[in-house]
Amino acid sequence: MIREGIERYYLKVMLGRKTGFSVRLFKGLLTILSLLYLVAIQIRFLLYRVRLLRSRSVTAWVISVGNITLGGTGKTPVVESLARLLDSRGRKVAVISRGYRRKTGPRWKRFREKILGAPTTRMVSDGKNILLNSRVAGDEPYLLAANLEGIPVLINRNRVKAALYAIRRLKADTIILDDGFQHLRLKRDLDIVLVDSQYPFGDGRLFPRGILREPLRNLARADLLLLTKARPGEQEELKDRLRRYNQKARILECRHNPVYLRDVRTSIKASLDFIRGAKAATLAGIANPYAFERMLGELGVEVIYSRRFADHHFYTQQELIDTLNRASRKGAEILLTTEKDAVRFPRLPPGKLPVFFLRVRIDSVREEEDFGREILRFLRRRNL
């Protein structure tokens, strides 16, 4: 809980929601750390460039979906959409993730397993059955496994080992790397980089002073830049800025469209009309909960109470009970959460307050820039 408290404080500082002398002091310390971080990552890139560190090729297409900032760009719906697209074209697809924030057990147990040669690649789903829960797999791999019927999902910090496992054991001919832009050990055929059009680079500073994982000039490695959460006619300035760093990449605009609601207790679906005009409480443990709350406002929901946790937070039943009780006292008629949060819930206690998660889908903003069609066109040009 201490770690999550620090993360929440850090997020508020990065989003400009905290001010004062202590914040300025904290930012000064972070500036020093970000300079050290810059040196470290640029040395790493240099070692790969001069081939003192080598990237591994595999006998399958490798497509990376990643970003240049910390969290919140909407990778999971894009990975899901891409996997479905390629699967529908007859490719044997496997999705590989690091499994960020999954519960891996005590260090001594992991060390013992490594010494004994235990396999490090774990299968979240074989395409037919879900084999790990969200706590062991991580919320994003579990969510992908739950929504991608017929497509296996694997986790391993070492994506090369996971790719080789998928090729040899599952006969995969297409590997999709979830959050793979910084993973240089595995060569890829296509690098898709997502940029949040509403909050693209924060204040343009490098982690931990800002939200950039690497300098913006490194966007030159991208083959396709996908502007997420885009609004028609508002992205030209951002596009011009991106073209300064990468003139060859195709730039597409997309948005995350709400599709329907699902009752967390009963799994019954409901239309979006169900919440129009409703007084709602929200519960979110994602990188940018404010974007979720803003989306609900655009759907006509009156958000009267919000409870926010750190990204990837695994909820306890007591936290859910407390949230439901507070929401009821505030006069909420419904509790709304994200699909990614819902997979981290324990069994919900019975209660009068309904709990729904919002299902979203990735859609192109411009009809002439259909995401699926552009991906297929790009792959054909590459003779893949």
Protein backbone atom coordinates (compact mmCIF):
# COMPACT_ATOMS: atom_id res chain seq x y z
CA MET A 1 0.00 0.00 0.00
CA ILE A 2 2.95 2.34 0.64
CA ARG A 3 4.16 1.71 -2.91
CA GLU A 4 0.73 2.50 -4.32
CA GLY A 5 0.50 5.67 -2.26
CA ILE A 6 3.80 6.83 -3.76
CA GLU A 7 2.54 5.97 -7.25
CA ARG A 8 -0.66 7.98 -6.76
CA TYR A 9 1.35 10.94 -5.47
CA TYR A 10 3.75 10.64 -8.42
CA LEU A 11 0.85 10.55 -10.90
CA LYS A 12 -0.71 13.69 -9.41
CA VAL A 13 2.65 15.47 -9.63
CA MET A 14 3.12 14.43 -13.27
CA LEU A 15 -0.42 15.53 -14.18
CA GLY A 16 0.09 18.89 -12.46
CA ARG A 17 -2.53 18.17 -9.80
CA LYS A 18 -0.13 18.92 -6.91
CA THR A 19 1.85 22.10 -6.28
CA GLY A 20 3.95 23.65 -3.54
CA PHE A 21 7.54 23.74 -2.26
CA SER A 22 7.72 20.01 -1.50
CA VAL A 23 6.56 19.24 -5.04
CA ARG A 24 9.27 21.51 -6.52
CA LEU A 25 11.87 19.78 -4.34
CA PHE A 26 10.60 16.38 -5.41
CA LYS A 27 10.76 17.41 -9.08
CA GLY A 28 14.36 18.57 -8.62
CA LEU A 29 15.37 15.15 -7.33
CA LEU A 30 13.53 13.48 -10.19
CA THR A 31 15.36 15.68 -12.71
CA ILE A 32 18.72 14.38 -11.48
CA LEU A 33 17.49 10.79 -11.65
CA SER A 34 16.12 11.30 -15.17
CA LEU A 35 19.57 12.44 -16.38
CA LEU A 36 21.08 9.21 -15.04
CA TYR A 37 18.27 7.26 -16.68
CA LEU A 38 18.93 8.99 -20.02
CA VAL A 39 22.60 8.01 -19.94
CA ALA A 40 21.72 4.39 -19.13
CA ILE A 41 19.15 3.92 -21.90
CA GLN A 42 21.23 5.68 -24.56
CA ILE A 43 24.21 3.45 -23.74
CA ARG A 44 21.93 0.46 -24.12
CA PHE A 45 20.69 1.64 -27.54
CA LEU A 46 24.28 2.30 -28.61
CA LEU A 47 25.32 -1.23 -27.64
CA TYR A 48 22.57 -2.63 -29.85
CA ARG A 49 23.51 -0.27 -32.69
CA VAL A 50 27.17 -1.37 -32.69
CA ARG A 51 26.05 -4.99 -32.16
CA LEU A 52 27.78 -5.57 -28.86
CA LEU A 53 24.25 -6.53 -27.85
CA ARG A 54 22.35 -8.43 -30.54
CA SER A 55 18.71 -8.70 -31.45
CA ARG A 56 17.41 -12.21 -32.10
CA SER A 57 15.46 -13.09 -35.26
CA VAL A 58 12.77 -15.79 -35.25
CA THR A 59 10.95 -17.64 -38.03
CA ALA A 60 7.65 -15.80 -37.64
CA TRP A 61 6.26 -12.34 -38.20
CA VAL A 62 6.93 -10.19 -35.14
CA ILE A 63 4.68 -7.17 -34.65
CA SER A 64 5.20 -4.92 -31.65
CA VAL A 65 2.49 -2.72 -30.14
CA GLY A 66 4.06 -0.31 -27.69
CA ASN A 67 4.44 3.29 -26.64
CA ILE A 68 7.07 5.82 -25.70
CA THR A 69 5.34 6.94 -22.50
CA LEU A 70 4.33 5.30 -19.25
CA GLY A 71 0.92 3.62 -19.46
CA GLY A 72 -2.49 4.88 -20.41
CA THR A 73 -2.35 4.92 -24.24
CA GLY A 74 -4.81 2.05 -24.75
CA LYS A 75 -2.56 -0.77 -25.96
CA THR A 76 -4.80 -3.66 -24.92
CA PRO A 77 -7.74 -2.90 -27.29
CA VAL A 78 -5.24 -2.35 -30.13
CA VAL A 79 -3.48 -5.68 -29.48
CA GLU A 80 -6.86 -7.41 -29.34
CA SER A 81 -8.03 -5.81 -32.59
CA LEU A 82 -4.77 -6.63 -34.37
CA ALA A 83 -4.79 -10.25 -33.18
CA ARG A 84 -8.37 -10.75 -34.39
CA LEU A 85 -7.55 -9.17 -37.74
CA LEU A 86 -4.55 -11.39 -38.46
CA ASP A 87 -6.31 -14.50 -37.14
CA SER A 88 -9.20 -13.82 -39.53
CA ARG A 89 -6.67 -13.75 -42.39
CA GLY A 90 -5.52 -17.27 -41.59
CA ARG A 91 -2.41 -16.43 -39.56
CA LYS A 92 -1.48 -18.57 -36.57
CA VAL A 93 -1.24 -15.78 -33.99
CA ALA A 94 0.23 -15.81 -30.49
CA VAL A 95 0.25 -12.80 -28.16
CA ILE A 96 3.24 -12.35 -25.86
CA SER A 97 3.32 -10.08 -22.83
CA ARG A 98 5.74 -9.42 -20.02
CA GLY A 99 2.92 -9.86 -17.52
CA TYR A 100 3.58 -6.59 -15.75
CA ARG A 101 2.70 -6.51 -12.04
CA ARG A 102 1.69 -10.15 -11.94
CA LYS A 103 2.20 -11.99 -8.66
CA THR A 104 5.22 -14.24 -9.17
CA GLY A 105 5.74 -15.38 -5.60
CA PRO A 106 8.74 -14.84 -3.30
CA ARG A 107 12.17 -14.24 -4.83
CA TRP A 108 13.67 -17.36 -3.28
CA LYS A 109 11.08 -19.53 -4.99
CA ARG A 110 11.68 -17.91 -8.38
CA PHE A 111 15.44 -18.30 -7.93
CA ARG A 112 15.05 -21.99 -7.07
CA GLU A 113 12.88 -22.58 -10.12
CA LYS A 114 15.46 -20.87 -12.31
CA ILE A 115 18.28 -23.01 -10.90
CA LEU A 116 16.21 -26.16 -11.46
CA GLY A 117 15.55 -25.15 -15.04
CA ALA A 118 11.80 -24.64 -14.74
CA PRO A 119 10.24 -23.17 -17.91
CA THR A 120 9.94 -19.40 -17.66
CA THR A 121 7.25 -19.06 -20.33
CA ARG A 122 3.75 -19.51 -18.96
CA MET A 123 0.60 -19.89 -20.98
CA VAL A 124 -2.27 -17.69 -19.87
CA SER A 125 -4.50 -19.22 -22.52
CA ASP A 126 -4.00 -21.97 -25.10
CA GLY A 127 -6.69 -20.39 -27.25
CA LYS A 128 -9.39 -22.63 -25.81
CA ASN A 129 -9.01 -22.50 -22.05
CA ILE A 130 -7.79 -19.82 -19.65
CA LEU A 131 -5.07 -21.49 -17.59
CA LEU A 132 -4.02 -18.72 -15.18
CA ASN A 133 -5.98 -16.18 -13.17
CA SER A 134 -5.39 -12.43 -13.41
CA ARG A 135 -3.24 -12.33 -10.28
CA VAL A 136 -0.75 -14.87 -11.64
CA ALA A 137 -0.93 -13.76 -15.28
CA GLY A 138 -1.26 -10.00 -14.84
CA ASP A 139 -4.43 -8.07 -15.63
CA GLU A 140 -3.68 -7.20 -19.27
CA PRO A 141 -2.62 -10.71 -20.42
CA TYR A 142 -5.63 -12.17 -18.61
CA LEU A 143 -7.97 -9.66 -20.27
CA LEU A 144 -6.53 -10.51 -23.68
CA ALA A 145 -6.89 -14.22 -22.98
CA ALA A 146 -10.53 -13.76 -21.94
CA ASN A 147 -11.39 -11.85 -25.12
CA LEU A 148 -9.30 -13.67 -27.73
CA GLU A 149 -10.91 -17.03 -28.40
CA GLY A 150 -8.66 -19.28 -30.47
CA ILE A 151 -5.53 -17.17 -29.90
CA PRO A 152 -2.97 -18.23 -27.25
CA VAL A 153 -1.56 -15.66 -24.84
CA LEU A 154 1.83 -16.21 -23.18
CA ILE A 155 3.86 -14.35 -20.56
CA ASN A 156 7.59 -14.10 -20.05
CA ARG A 157 9.89 -11.21 -19.24
CA ASN A 158 12.22 -12.71 -21.85
CA ARG A 159 10.17 -12.20 -25.01
CA VAL A 160 12.71 -14.12 -27.14
CA LYS A 161 12.12 -17.29 -25.11
CA ALA A 162 8.37 -16.77 -25.28
CA ALA A 163 8.47 -16.30 -29.06
CA LEU A 164 10.53 -19.45 -29.56
CA TYR A 165 8.12 -21.35 -27.31
CA ALA A 166 5.13 -20.13 -29.35
CA ILE A 167 6.80 -21.08 -32.63
CA ARG A 168 7.99 -24.52 -31.56
CA ARG A 169 5.14 -25.65 -29.32
CA LEU A 170 2.16 -23.80 -30.79
CA LYS A 171 3.31 -23.56 -34.44
CA ALA A 172 2.71 -19.80 -34.38
CA ASP A 173 3.68 -17.89 -37.52
CA THR A 174 2.76 -14.45 -36.16
CA ILE A 175 3.90 -13.01 -32.83
CA ILE A 176 2.30 -9.90 -31.38
CA LEU A 177 4.35 -8.25 -28.65
CA ASP A 178 2.23 -6.42 -26.10
CA ASP A 179 4.26 -3.39 -24.94
CA GLY A 180 7.34 -4.28 -26.98
CA PHE A 181 8.78 -1.00 -28.29
CA GLN A 182 11.62 -0.94 -25.73
CA HIS A 183 12.29 -4.69 -25.97
CA LEU A 184 15.21 -4.70 -28.42
CA ARG A 185 16.31 -8.30 -27.87
CA LEU A 186 13.72 -9.56 -30.35
CA LYS A 187 13.77 -8.28 -33.93
CA ARG A 188 10.41 -7.21 -35.27
CA ASP A 189 8.90 -6.76 -38.71
CA LEU A 190 6.55 -3.98 -37.70
CA ASP A 191 6.75 -1.47 -34.85
CA ILE A 192 3.43 0.16 -33.96
CA VAL A 193 3.74 2.98 -31.44
CA LEU A 194 0.68 4.44 -29.70
CA VAL A 195 0.50 8.10 -28.71
CA ASP A 196 -2.27 9.44 -26.47
CA SER A 197 -3.50 12.42 -28.48
CA GLN A 198 -5.04 14.07 -25.37
CA TYR A 199 -1.85 13.85 -23.28
CA PRO A 200 0.90 12.79 -25.72
CA PHE A 201 4.19 13.34 -23.88
CA GLY A 202 3.33 14.99 -20.59
CA ASP A 203 5.74 17.90 -20.13
CA GLY A 204 8.22 16.30 -22.53
CA ARG A 205 10.56 15.12 -19.79
CA LEU A 206 12.12 11.72 -19.35
CA PHE A 207 11.20 9.25 -16.60
CA PRO A 208 11.17 9.62 -13.63
CA ARG A 209 10.85 13.43 -13.99
CA GLY A 210 8.24 12.92 -16.69
CA ILE A 211 6.36 10.13 -18.42
CA LEU A 212 8.69 9.54 -21.39
CA ARG A 213 10.33 6.10 -21.45
CA GLU A 214 12.94 7.31 -23.94
CA PRO A 215 13.74 10.52 -25.84
CA LEU A 216 11.26 11.57 -28.52
CA ARG A 217 13.90 11.28 -31.24
CA ASN A 218 13.73 7.51 -30.73
CA LEU A 219 10.31 7.58 -32.37
CA ALA A 220 12.35 7.26 -35.57
CA ARG A 221 12.28 3.47 -34.99
CA ALA A 222 8.49 3.34 -35.41
CA ASP A 223 6.87 2.10 -38.63
CA LEU A 224 3.34 3.17 -37.72
CA LEU A 225 2.22 5.85 -35.27
CA LEU A 226 -1.29 5.42 -33.90
CA LEU A 227 -2.89 8.45 -32.26
CA THR A 228 -5.32 7.09 -29.68
CA LYS A 229 -8.29 8.91 -28.10
CA ALA A 230 -8.25 11.22 -31.11
CA ARG A 231 -10.93 13.75 -31.98
CA PRO A 232 -11.59 14.68 -35.62
CA GLY A 233 -9.69 17.73 -36.84
CA GLU A 234 -7.69 18.27 -33.63
CA GLN A 235 -4.47 16.34 -34.33
CA GLU A 236 -2.65 18.34 -37.04
CA GLU A 237 -0.30 20.08 -34.60
CA LEU A 238 0.59 16.77 -32.96
CA LYS A 239 1.13 15.15 -36.36
CA ASP A 240 3.50 17.95 -37.37
CA ARG A 241 5.46 17.43 -34.17
CA LEU A 242 5.70 13.68 -34.73
CA ARG A 243 6.88 14.17 -38.31
CA ARG A 244 9.87 16.12 -36.99
CA TYR A 245 11.07 12.89 -35.38
CA ASN A 246 9.86 10.39 -37.99
CA GLN A 247 9.01 11.31 -41.58
CA LYS A 248 8.62 7.76 -42.90
CA ALA A 249 6.01 6.41 -40.48
CA ARG A 250 2.33 6.35 -41.37
CA ILE A 251 0.24 8.29 -38.84
CA LEU A 252 -3.31 7.09 -38.15
CA GLU A 253 -5.98 8.45 -35.81
CA CYS A 254 -8.17 6.18 -33.72
CA ARG A 255 -10.50 6.43 -30.78
CA HIS A 256 -11.66 4.14 -28.03
CA ASN A 257 -15.40 3.84 -28.51
CA PRO A 258 -17.64 2.63 -25.67
CA VAL A 259 -19.59 -0.40 -26.91
CA TYR A 260 -21.66 -1.77 -24.05
CA LEU A 261 -21.80 -2.40 -20.30
CA ARG A 262 -21.49 -5.73 -18.52
CA ASP A 263 -22.72 -6.54 -15.02
CA VAL A 264 -19.71 -7.71 -13.00
CA ARG A 265 -21.85 -9.97 -10.78
CA THR A 266 -24.04 -11.63 -13.43
CA SER A 267 -22.14 -11.01 -16.73
CA ILE A 268 -25.39 -9.68 -18.25
CA LYS A 269 -24.80 -7.09 -20.99
CA ALA A 270 -26.56 -3.72 -21.06
CA SER A 271 -26.66 -0.93 -23.62
CA LEU A 272 -25.05 2.44 -23.02
CA ASP A 273 -28.51 3.98 -22.71
CA PHE A 274 -28.75 2.23 -19.35
CA ILE A 275 -26.43 4.81 -17.75
CA ARG A 276 -27.46 8.01 -19.52
CA GLY A 277 -28.49 10.52 -16.85
CA ALA A 278 -27.50 8.16 -14.02
CA LYS A 279 -25.76 9.30 -10.85
CA ALA A 280 -22.70 7.08 -10.72
CA ALA A 281 -19.67 6.29 -8.62
CA THR A 282 -16.46 5.23 -10.37
CA LEU A 283 -13.70 2.87 -9.30
CA ALA A 284 -10.47 2.77 -11.29
CA GLY A 285 -6.92 1.52 -10.83
CA ILE A 286 -5.49 2.54 -14.21
CA ALA A 287 -2.74 4.89 -15.36
CA ASN A 288 -5.12 7.77 -16.11
CA PRO A 289 -8.48 7.36 -14.35
CA TYR A 290 -9.45 10.92 -15.28
CA ALA A 291 -9.78 9.92 -18.95
CA PHE A 292 -12.21 7.14 -17.95
CA GLU A 293 -14.28 9.57 -15.88
CA ARG A 294 -14.29 12.06 -18.77
CA MET A 295 -15.56 9.35 -21.15
CA LEU A 296 -18.44 8.59 -18.79
CA GLY A 297 -19.31 12.28 -18.68
CA GLU A 298 -19.49 12.31 -22.48
CA LEU A 299 -21.95 9.39 -22.25
CA GLY A 300 -24.27 11.51 -20.10
CA VAL A 301 -23.29 10.04 -16.72
CA GLU A 302 -23.21 12.30 -13.65
CA VAL A 303 -20.14 11.17 -11.71
CA ILE A 304 -20.76 12.09 -8.08
CA TYR A 305 -18.02 10.03 -6.39
CA SER A 306 -14.71 8.62 -7.63
CA ARG A 307 -12.28 6.29 -5.94
CA ARG A 308 -8.88 5.88 -7.58
CA PHE A 309 -6.11 3.35 -6.99
CA ALA A 310 -2.66 2.90 -8.50
CA ASP A 311 -2.37 1.27 -11.92
CA HIS A 312 -2.68 -2.55 -11.84
CA HIS A 313 -4.01 -2.54 -8.26
CA PHE A 314 -5.43 -5.89 -7.11
CA TYR A 315 -8.49 -5.19 -5.00
CA THR A 316 -9.43 -6.76 -1.71
CA GLN A 317 -13.02 -7.59 -0.87
CA GLN A 318 -12.93 -5.05 1.96
CA GLU A 319 -11.91 -2.29 -0.47
CA LEU A 320 -14.88 -3.16 -2.66
CA ILE A 321 -17.27 -3.23 0.31
CA ASP A 322 -15.98 0.16 1.48
CA THR A 323 -16.33 1.63 -2.02
CA LEU A 324 -19.89 0.31 -2.43
CA ASN A 325 -20.89 1.67 0.98
CA ARG A 326 -19.42 5.11 0.31
CA ALA A 327 -21.01 5.23 -3.14
CA SER A 328 -24.42 4.41 -1.66
CA ARG A 329 -24.06 7.09 1.02
CA LYS A 330 -23.18 9.64 -1.67
CA GLY A 331 -26.40 8.80 -3.49
CA ALA A 332 -24.93 6.84 -6.40
CA GLU A 333 -27.31 4.66 -8.40
CA ILE A 334 -24.58 2.54 -10.00
CA LEU A 335 -20.85 1.79 -9.66
CA LEU A 336 -18.89 1.91 -12.92
CA THR A 337 -15.39 0.57 -13.52
CA THR A 338 -13.13 -0.42 -16.41
CA GLU A 339 -12.85 -3.88 -17.90
CA LYS A 340 -9.19 -4.00 -16.85
CA ASP A 341 -10.18 -3.25 -13.25
CA ALA A 342 -12.98 -5.83 -13.25
CA VAL A 343 -10.57 -8.72 -13.87
CA ARG A 344 -8.72 -7.73 -10.68
CA PHE A 345 -11.83 -7.92 -8.49
CA PRO A 346 -12.33 -10.72 -5.98
CA ARG A 347 -15.85 -12.10 -5.80
CA LEU A 348 -18.18 -9.15 -5.41
CA PRO A 349 -20.26 -9.11 -2.23
CA PRO A 350 -24.04 -9.04 -2.74
CA GLY A 351 -25.61 -5.63 -2.58
CA LYS A 352 -28.25 -3.33 -3.96
CA LEU A 353 -25.82 -1.15 -5.89
CA PRO A 354 -25.25 -2.60 -9.40
CA VAL A 355 -21.64 -2.80 -10.63
CA PHE A 356 -20.85 -2.61 -14.35
CA PHE A 357 -17.69 -2.36 -16.40
CA LEU A 358 -17.47 -0.44 -19.66
CA ARG A 359 -16.38 -2.37 -22.74
CA VAL A 360 -14.49 -0.28 -25.33
CA ARG A 361 -13.39 -0.96 -28.90
CA ILE A 362 -10.70 0.60 -31.09
CA ASP A 363 -12.10 2.42 -34.14
CA SER A 364 -10.56 4.61 -36.82
CA VAL A 365 -11.48 8.29 -36.68
CA ARG A 366 -11.33 8.75 -40.45
CA GLU A 367 -13.10 6.26 -42.72
CA GLU A 368 -10.27 6.45 -45.27
CA GLU A 369 -7.77 5.48 -42.55
CA ASP A 370 -9.36 2.22 -41.42
CA PHE A 371 -6.92 0.64 -38.96
CA GLY A 372 -7.32 -2.94 -40.17
CA ARG A 373 -7.08 -2.05 -43.85
CA GLU A 374 -3.97 0.06 -43.27
CA ILE A 375 -2.25 -2.71 -41.31
CA LEU A 376 -2.90 -5.25 -44.07
CA ARG A 377 -1.69 -2.79 -46.71
CA PHE A 378 1.48 -2.15 -44.72
CA LEU A 379 2.20 -5.87 -44.35
CA ARG A 380 1.68 -6.43 -48.07
CA ARG A 381 4.17 -3.66 -48.87
CA ARG A 382 6.67 -5.41 -46.61
CA ASN A 383 5.96 -8.72 -48.42
CA LEU A 384 4.95 -10.27 -45.12
